[in-house]
Amino acid sequence: MAEFWGKGLATEMARAIVKAGFEHLGLESIVAFTLPANFASRRVMEKAGLSYEREITWAAMPHVFYRLKNPAR
């Protein structure tokens, strides 16, 4: 919802998901992807600690792929 954009809610949720994935689920890594021009989503991924890894094709469209490896593993 546009009225909530820019308030940091997506970043807060992304960080909580990363924490849960590593601490409660024991995941080796967390990945995310979006369209290259979706700068807001890319910034949320970066603020959550994920790093750009490579370009991929998904649903016949180019996407950017980000990953964060579990530092405890």
PDB file of N, CA and C in Angstrom:
ATOM      1  N   MET A   1       0.842  -1.167   0.000  1.00  0.00           N
ATOM      2  CA  MET A   1       0.000   0.000   0.000  1.00  0.00           C
ATOM      3  C   MET A   1       0.894   1.239   0.000  1.00  0.00           C
ATOM      4  N   ALA A   2       0.665   2.084  -0.958  1.00  0.00           N
ATOM      5  CA  ALA A   2       1.519   3.247  -1.167  1.00  0.00           C
ATOM      6  C   ALA A   2       1.633   4.148   0.063  1.00  0.00           C
ATOM      7  N   GLU A   3       0.607   4.208   0.872  1.00  0.00           N
ATOM      8  CA  GLU A   3       0.653   5.091   2.041  1.00  0.00           C
ATOM      9  C   GLU A   3       1.706   4.662   3.062  1.00  0.00           C
ATOM     10  N   PHE A   4       2.193   3.423   2.964  1.00  0.00           N
ATOM     11  CA  PHE A   4       3.201   2.923   3.897  1.00  0.00           C
ATOM     12  C   PHE A   4       4.603   2.876   3.294  1.00  0.00           C
ATOM     13  N   TRP A   5       4.759   3.255   2.019  1.00  0.00           N
ATOM     14  CA  TRP A   5       6.065   3.262   1.380  1.00  0.00           C
ATOM     15  C   TRP A   5       6.977   4.271   2.066  1.00  0.00           C
ATOM     16  N   GLY A   6       8.254   3.937   2.122  1.00  0.00           N
ATOM     17  CA  GLY A   6       9.246   4.862   2.645  1.00  0.00           C
ATOM     18  C   GLY A   6       9.297   4.977   4.155  1.00  0.00           C
ATOM     19  N   LYS A   7       8.616   4.099   4.851  1.00  0.00           N
ATOM     20  CA  LYS A   7       8.597   4.157   6.316  1.00  0.00           C
ATOM     21  C   LYS A   7       9.501   3.103   6.953  1.00  0.00           C
ATOM     22  N   GLY A   8      10.199   2.314   6.135  1.00  0.00           N
ATOM     23  CA  GLY A   8      11.112   1.306   6.658  1.00  0.00           C
ATOM     24  C   GLY A   8      10.470  -0.003   7.049  1.00  0.00           C
ATOM     25  N   LEU A   9       9.194  -0.170   6.774  1.00  0.00           N
ATOM     26  CA  LEU A   9       8.505  -1.396   7.182  1.00  0.00           C
ATOM     27  C   LEU A   9       9.015  -2.623   6.433  1.00  0.00           C
ATOM     28  N   ALA A  10       9.249  -2.495   5.136  1.00  0.00           N
ATOM     29  CA  ALA A  10       9.735  -3.635   4.351  1.00  0.00           C
ATOM     30  C   ALA A  10      11.118  -4.061   4.829  1.00  0.00           C
ATOM     31  N   THR A  11      11.970  -3.091   5.131  1.00  0.00           N
ATOM     32  CA  THR A  11      13.304  -3.411   5.633  1.00  0.00           C
ATOM     33  C   THR A  11      13.216  -4.104   6.983  1.00  0.00           C
ATOM     34  N   GLU A  12      12.366  -3.618   7.855  1.00  0.00           N
ATOM     35  CA  GLU A  12      12.195  -4.238   9.166  1.00  0.00           C
ATOM     36  C   GLU A  12      11.708  -5.679   9.030  1.00  0.00           C
ATOM     37  N   MET A  13      10.765  -5.912   8.132  1.00  0.00           N
ATOM     38  CA  MET A  13      10.261  -7.270   7.912  1.00  0.00           C
ATOM     39  C   MET A  13      11.337  -8.158   7.308  1.00  0.00           C
ATOM     40  N   ALA A  14      12.082  -7.629   6.346  1.00  0.00           N
ATOM     41  CA  ALA A  14      13.132  -8.423   5.703  1.00  0.00           C
ATOM     42  C   ALA A  14      14.196  -8.830   6.709  1.00  0.00           C
ATOM     43  N   ARG A  15      14.585  -7.922   7.575  1.00  0.00           N
ATOM     44  CA  ARG A  15      15.587  -8.251   8.601  1.00  0.00           C
ATOM     45  C   ARG A  15      15.060  -9.311   9.561  1.00  0.00           C
ATOM     46  N   ALA A  16      13.792  -9.236   9.916  1.00  0.00           N
ATOM     47  CA  ALA A  16      13.197 -10.233  10.805  1.00  0.00           C
ATOM     48  C   ALA A  16      13.145 -11.600  10.132  1.00  0.00           C
ATOM     49  N   ILE A  17      12.853 -11.617   8.843  1.00  0.00           N
ATOM     50  CA  ILE A  17      12.808 -12.878   8.099  1.00  0.00           C
ATOM     51  C   ILE A  17      14.197 -13.496   8.011  1.00  0.00           C
ATOM     52  N   VAL A  18      15.207 -12.676   7.748  1.00  0.00           N
ATOM     53  CA  VAL A  18      16.589 -13.167   7.701  1.00  0.00           C
ATOM     54  C   VAL A  18      16.960 -13.774   9.049  1.00  0.00           C
ATOM     55  N   LYS A  19      16.667 -13.068  10.120  1.00  0.00           N
ATOM     56  CA  LYS A  19      16.984 -13.562  11.468  1.00  0.00           C
ATOM     57  C   LYS A  19      16.285 -14.894  11.741  1.00  0.00           C
ATOM     58  N   ALA A  20      14.998 -14.979  11.427  1.00  0.00           N
ATOM     59  CA  ALA A  20      14.245 -16.218  11.646  1.00  0.00           C
ATOM     60  C   ALA A  20      14.796 -17.352  10.790  1.00  0.00           C
ATOM     61  N   GLY A  21      15.131 -17.047   9.561  1.00  0.00           N
ATOM     62  CA  GLY A  21      15.666 -18.078   8.665  1.00  0.00           C
ATOM     63  C   GLY A  21      16.958 -18.680   9.181  1.00  0.00           C
ATOM     64  N   PHE A  22      17.823 -17.844   9.714  1.00  0.00           N
ATOM     65  CA  PHE A  22      19.103 -18.338  10.215  1.00  0.00           C
ATOM     66  C   PHE A  22      18.991 -18.914  11.622  1.00  0.00           C
ATOM     67  N   GLU A  23      18.347 -18.187  12.530  1.00  0.00           N
ATOM     68  CA  GLU A  23      18.324 -18.607  13.930  1.00  0.00           C
ATOM     69  C   GLU A  23      17.325 -19.724  14.232  1.00  0.00           C
ATOM     70  N   HIS A  24      16.172 -19.704  13.592  1.00  0.00           N
ATOM     71  CA  HIS A  24      15.130 -20.690  13.918  1.00  0.00           C
ATOM     72  C   HIS A  24      15.058 -21.838  12.922  1.00  0.00           C
ATOM     73  N   LEU A  25      15.370 -21.557  11.661  1.00  0.00           N
ATOM     74  CA  LEU A  25      15.288 -22.604  10.651  1.00  0.00           C
ATOM     75  C   LEU A  25      16.646 -23.183  10.276  1.00  0.00           C
ATOM     76  N   GLY A  26      17.713 -22.515  10.656  1.00  0.00           N
ATOM     77  CA  GLY A  26      19.055 -23.010  10.372  1.00  0.00           C
ATOM     78  C   GLY A  26      19.418 -23.033   8.894  1.00  0.00           C
ATOM     79  N   LEU A  27      18.854 -22.122   8.127  1.00  0.00           N
ATOM     80  CA  LEU A  27      19.138 -22.094   6.691  1.00  0.00           C
ATOM     81  C   LEU A  27      20.600 -21.768   6.420  1.00  0.00           C
ATOM     82  N   GLU A  28      21.134 -22.339   5.344  1.00  0.00           N
ATOM     83  CA  GLU A  28      22.504 -22.044   4.948  1.00  0.00           C
ATOM     84  C   GLU A  28      22.617 -20.674   4.300  1.00  0.00           C
ATOM     85  N   SER A  29      21.598 -20.292   3.551  1.00  0.00           N
ATOM     86  CA  SER A  29      21.597 -18.978   2.922  1.00  0.00           C
ATOM     87  C   SER A  29      20.164 -18.565   2.631  1.00  0.00           C
ATOM     88  N   ILE A  30      20.004 -17.274   2.402  1.00  0.00           N
ATOM     89  CA  ILE A  30      18.707 -16.718   2.035  1.00  0.00           C
ATOM     90  C   ILE A  30      18.904 -15.981   0.721  1.00  0.00           C
ATOM     91  N   VAL A  31      17.989 -16.199  -0.222  1.00  0.00           N
ATOM     92  CA  VAL A  31      18.088 -15.565  -1.528  1.00  0.00           C
ATOM     93  C   VAL A  31      16.821 -14.779  -1.822  1.00  0.00           C
ATOM     94  N   ALA A  32      16.972 -13.812  -2.695  1.00  0.00           N
ATOM     95  CA  ALA A  32      15.835 -13.008  -3.145  1.00  0.00           C
ATOM     96  C   ALA A  32      16.153 -12.496  -4.537  1.00  0.00           C
ATOM     97  N   PHE A  33      15.110 -12.212  -5.304  1.00  0.00           N
ATOM     98  CA  PHE A  33      15.338 -11.638  -6.624  1.00  0.00           C
ATOM     99  C   PHE A  33      14.210 -10.694  -6.989  1.00  0.00           C
ATOM    100  N   THR A  34      14.522  -9.776  -7.892  1.00  0.00           N
ATOM    101  CA  THR A  34      13.552  -8.789  -8.335  1.00  0.00           C
ATOM    102  C   THR A  34      13.935  -8.322  -9.732  1.00  0.00           C
ATOM    103  N   LEU A  35      13.077  -7.537 -10.318  1.00  0.00           N
ATOM    104  CA  LEU A  35      13.383  -6.936 -11.614  1.00  0.00           C
ATOM    105  C   LEU A  35      14.505  -5.923 -11.446  1.00  0.00           C
ATOM    106  N   PRO A  36      15.382  -5.799 -12.422  1.00  0.00           N
ATOM    107  CA  PRO A  36      16.526  -4.888 -12.297  1.00  0.00           C
ATOM    108  C   PRO A  36      16.138  -3.446 -11.967  1.00  0.00           C
ATOM    109  N   ALA A  37      15.038  -2.964 -12.487  1.00  0.00           N
ATOM    110  CA  ALA A  37      14.641  -1.569 -12.278  1.00  0.00           C
ATOM    111  C   ALA A  37      13.891  -1.337 -10.961  1.00  0.00           C
ATOM    112  N   ASN A  38      13.662  -2.387 -10.188  1.00  0.00           N
ATOM    113  CA  ASN A  38      12.944  -2.234  -8.918  1.00  0.00           C
ATOM    114  C   ASN A  38      13.946  -1.843  -7.829  1.00  0.00           C
ATOM    115  N   PHE A  39      14.347  -0.589  -7.857  1.00  0.00           N
ATOM    116  CA  PHE A  39      15.391  -0.100  -6.962  1.00  0.00           C
ATOM    117  C   PHE A  39      14.963  -0.126  -5.496  1.00  0.00           C
ATOM    118  N   ALA A  40      13.691   0.056  -5.227  1.00  0.00           N
ATOM    119  CA  ALA A  40      13.223   0.014  -3.839  1.00  0.00           C
ATOM    120  C   ALA A  40      13.410  -1.385  -3.252  1.00  0.00           C
ATOM    121  N   SER A  41      13.036  -2.409  -3.991  1.00  0.00           N
ATOM    122  CA  SER A  41      13.212  -3.777  -3.503  1.00  0.00           C
ATOM    123  C   SER A  41      14.679  -4.137  -3.390  1.00  0.00           C
ATOM    124  N   ARG A  42      15.479  -3.689  -4.327  1.00  0.00           N
ATOM    125  CA  ARG A  42      16.916  -3.954  -4.267  1.00  0.00           C
ATOM    126  C   ARG A  42      17.509  -3.334  -3.009  1.00  0.00           C
ATOM    127  N   ARG A  43      17.075  -2.133  -2.681  1.00  0.00           N
ATOM    128  CA  ARG A  43      17.590  -1.449  -1.492  1.00  0.00           C
ATOM    129  C   ARG A  43      17.160  -2.167  -0.222  1.00  0.00           C
ATOM    130  N   VAL A  44      15.945  -2.668  -0.179  1.00  0.00           N
ATOM    131  CA  VAL A  44      15.484  -3.436   0.985  1.00  0.00           C
ATOM    132  C   VAL A  44      16.356  -4.678   1.149  1.00  0.00           C
ATOM    133  N   MET A  45      16.620  -5.382   0.059  1.00  0.00           N
ATOM    134  CA  MET A  45      17.460  -6.580   0.145  1.00  0.00           C
ATOM    135  C   MET A  45      18.848  -6.230   0.670  1.00  0.00           C
ATOM    136  N   GLU A  46      19.408  -5.139   0.180  1.00  0.00           N
ATOM    137  CA  GLU A  46      20.735  -4.719   0.623  1.00  0.00           C
ATOM    138  C   GLU A  46      20.730  -4.320   2.098  1.00  0.00           C
ATOM    139  N   LYS A  47      19.708  -3.609   2.531  1.00  0.00           N
ATOM    140  CA  LYS A  47      19.616  -3.220   3.938  1.00  0.00           C
ATOM    141  C   LYS A  47      19.444  -4.427   4.849  1.00  0.00           C
ATOM    142  N   ALA A  48      18.864  -5.501   4.330  1.00  0.00           N
ATOM    143  CA  ALA A  48      18.696  -6.735   5.098  1.00  0.00           C
ATOM    144  C   ALA A  48      19.965  -7.580   5.089  1.00  0.00           C
ATOM    145  N   GLY A  49      20.990  -7.121   4.376  1.00  0.00           N
ATOM    146  CA  GLY A  49      22.272  -7.810   4.380  1.00  0.00           C
ATOM    147  C   GLY A  49      22.573  -8.646   3.151  1.00  0.00           C
ATOM    148  N   LEU A  50      21.623  -8.760   2.232  1.00  0.00           N
ATOM    149  CA  LEU A  50      21.863  -9.549   1.034  1.00  0.00           C
ATOM    150  C   LEU A  50      22.747  -8.769   0.066  1.00  0.00           C
ATOM    151  N   SER A  51      23.513  -9.505  -0.728  1.00  0.00           N
ATOM    152  CA  SER A  51      24.415  -8.897  -1.705  1.00  0.00           C
ATOM    153  C   SER A  51      24.069  -9.382  -3.104  1.00  0.00           C
ATOM    154  N   TYR A  52      24.215  -8.473  -4.048  1.00  0.00           N
ATOM    155  CA  TYR A  52      23.991  -8.830  -5.446  1.00  0.00           C
ATOM    156  C   TYR A  52      24.943  -9.952  -5.825  1.00  0.00           C
ATOM    157  N   GLU A  53      24.409 -10.965  -6.507  1.00  0.00           N
ATOM    158  CA  GLU A  53      25.229 -12.091  -6.930  1.00  0.00           C
ATOM    159  C   GLU A  53      25.325 -12.201  -8.441  1.00  0.00           C
ATOM    160  N   ARG A  54      24.174 -12.127  -9.129  1.00  0.00           N
ATOM    161  CA  ARG A  54      24.208 -12.296 -10.581  1.00  0.00           C
ATOM    162  C   ARG A  54      22.849 -11.947 -11.183  1.00  0.00           C
ATOM    163  N   GLU A  55      22.817 -11.890 -12.498  1.00  0.00           N
ATOM    164  CA  GLU A  55      21.557 -11.743 -13.211  1.00  0.00           C
ATOM    165  C   GLU A  55      21.017 -13.126 -13.521  1.00  0.00           C
ATOM    166  N   ILE A  56      19.700 -13.258 -13.465  1.00  0.00           N
ATOM    167  CA  ILE A  56      19.033 -14.508 -13.799  1.00  0.00           C
ATOM    168  C   ILE A  56      17.841 -14.192 -14.698  1.00  0.00           C
ATOM    169  N   THR A  57      17.297 -15.244 -15.276  1.00  0.00           N
ATOM    170  CA  THR A  57      16.049 -15.112 -16.028  1.00  0.00           C
ATOM    171  C   THR A  57      14.997 -15.918 -15.287  1.00  0.00           C
ATOM    172  N   TRP A  58      13.888 -15.288 -15.000  1.00  0.00           N
ATOM    173  CA  TRP A  58      12.763 -15.951 -14.346  1.00  0.00           C
ATOM    174  C   TRP A  58      11.498 -15.461 -15.021  1.00  0.00           C
ATOM    175  N   ALA A  59      10.604 -16.377 -15.331  1.00  0.00           N
ATOM    176  CA  ALA A  59       9.356 -16.063 -16.029  1.00  0.00           C
ATOM    177  C   ALA A  59       9.648 -15.313 -17.323  1.00  0.00           C
ATOM    178  N   ALA A  60      10.704 -15.737 -17.990  1.00  0.00           N
ATOM    179  CA  ALA A  60      11.130 -15.179 -19.282  1.00  0.00           C
ATOM    180  C   ALA A  60      11.491 -13.690 -19.205  1.00  0.00           C
ATOM    181  N   MET A  61      11.883 -13.238 -18.002  1.00  0.00           N
ATOM    182  CA  MET A  61      12.267 -11.837 -17.813  1.00  0.00           C
ATOM    183  C   MET A  61      13.580 -11.775 -17.033  1.00  0.00           C
ATOM    184  N   PRO A  62      14.394 -10.760 -17.298  1.00  0.00           N
ATOM    185  CA  PRO A  62      15.638 -10.622 -16.530  1.00  0.00           C
ATOM    186  C   PRO A  62      15.350 -10.160 -15.108  1.00  0.00           C
ATOM    187  N   HIS A  63      16.093 -10.732 -14.176  1.00  0.00           N
ATOM    188  CA  HIS A  63      15.993 -10.379 -12.765  1.00  0.00           C
ATOM    189  C   HIS A  63      17.402 -10.266 -12.184  1.00  0.00           C
ATOM    190  N   VAL A  64      17.505  -9.614 -11.042  1.00  0.00           N
ATOM    191  CA  VAL A  64      18.756  -9.583 -10.296  1.00  0.00           C
ATOM    192  C   VAL A  64      18.583 -10.478  -9.070  1.00  0.00           C
ATOM    193  N   PHE A  65      19.623 -11.240  -8.772  1.00  0.00           N
ATOM    194  CA  PHE A  65      19.597 -12.269  -7.742  1.00  0.00           C
ATOM    195  C   PHE A  65      20.540 -11.858  -6.614  1.00  0.00           C
ATOM    196  N   TYR A  66      20.023 -11.872  -5.393  1.00  0.00           N
ATOM    197  CA  TYR A  66      20.794 -11.503  -4.205  1.00  0.00           C
ATOM    198  C   TYR A  66      20.855 -12.692  -3.253  1.00  0.00           C
ATOM    199  N   ARG A  67      21.934 -12.731  -2.449  1.00  0.00           N
ATOM    200  CA  ARG A  67      22.088 -13.835  -1.481  1.00  0.00           C
ATOM    201  C   ARG A  67      22.761 -13.315  -0.214  1.00  0.00           C
ATOM    202  N   LEU A  68      22.414 -13.965   0.906  1.00  0.00           N
ATOM    203  CA  LEU A  68      23.100 -13.754   2.175  1.00  0.00           C
ATOM    204  C   LEU A  68      23.377 -15.134   2.758  1.00  0.00           C
ATOM    205  N   LYS A  69      24.654 -15.435   2.996  1.00  0.00           N
ATOM    206  CA  LYS A  69      25.019 -16.722   3.602  1.00  0.00           C
ATOM    207  C   LYS A  69      24.969 -16.595   5.114  1.00  0.00           C
ATOM    208  N   ASN A  70      24.572 -17.684   5.760  1.00  0.00           N
ATOM    209  CA  ASN A  70      24.483 -17.722   7.205  1.00  0.00           C
ATOM    210  C   ASN A  70      25.885 -17.616   7.796  1.00  0.00           C
ATOM    211  N   PRO A  71      26.159 -16.562   8.560  1.00  0.00           N
ATOM    212  CA  PRO A  71      27.504 -16.393   9.110  1.00  0.00           C
ATOM    213  C   PRO A  71      27.870 -17.452  10.154  1.00  0.00           C
ATOM    214  N   ALA A  72      26.892 -18.145  10.706  1.00  0.00           N
ATOM    215  CA  ALA A  72      27.148 -19.171  11.715  1.00  0.00           C
ATOM    216  C   ALA A  72      27.510 -20.523  11.109  1.00  0.00           C
ATOM    217  N   ARG A  73      27.470 -20.630   9.787  1.00  0.00           N
ATOM    218  CA  ARG A  73      27.751 -21.930   9.143  1.00  0.00           C
ATOM    219  C   ARG A  73      29.033 -21.892   8.392  1.00  0.00           C
TER     220      ARG A  73
END
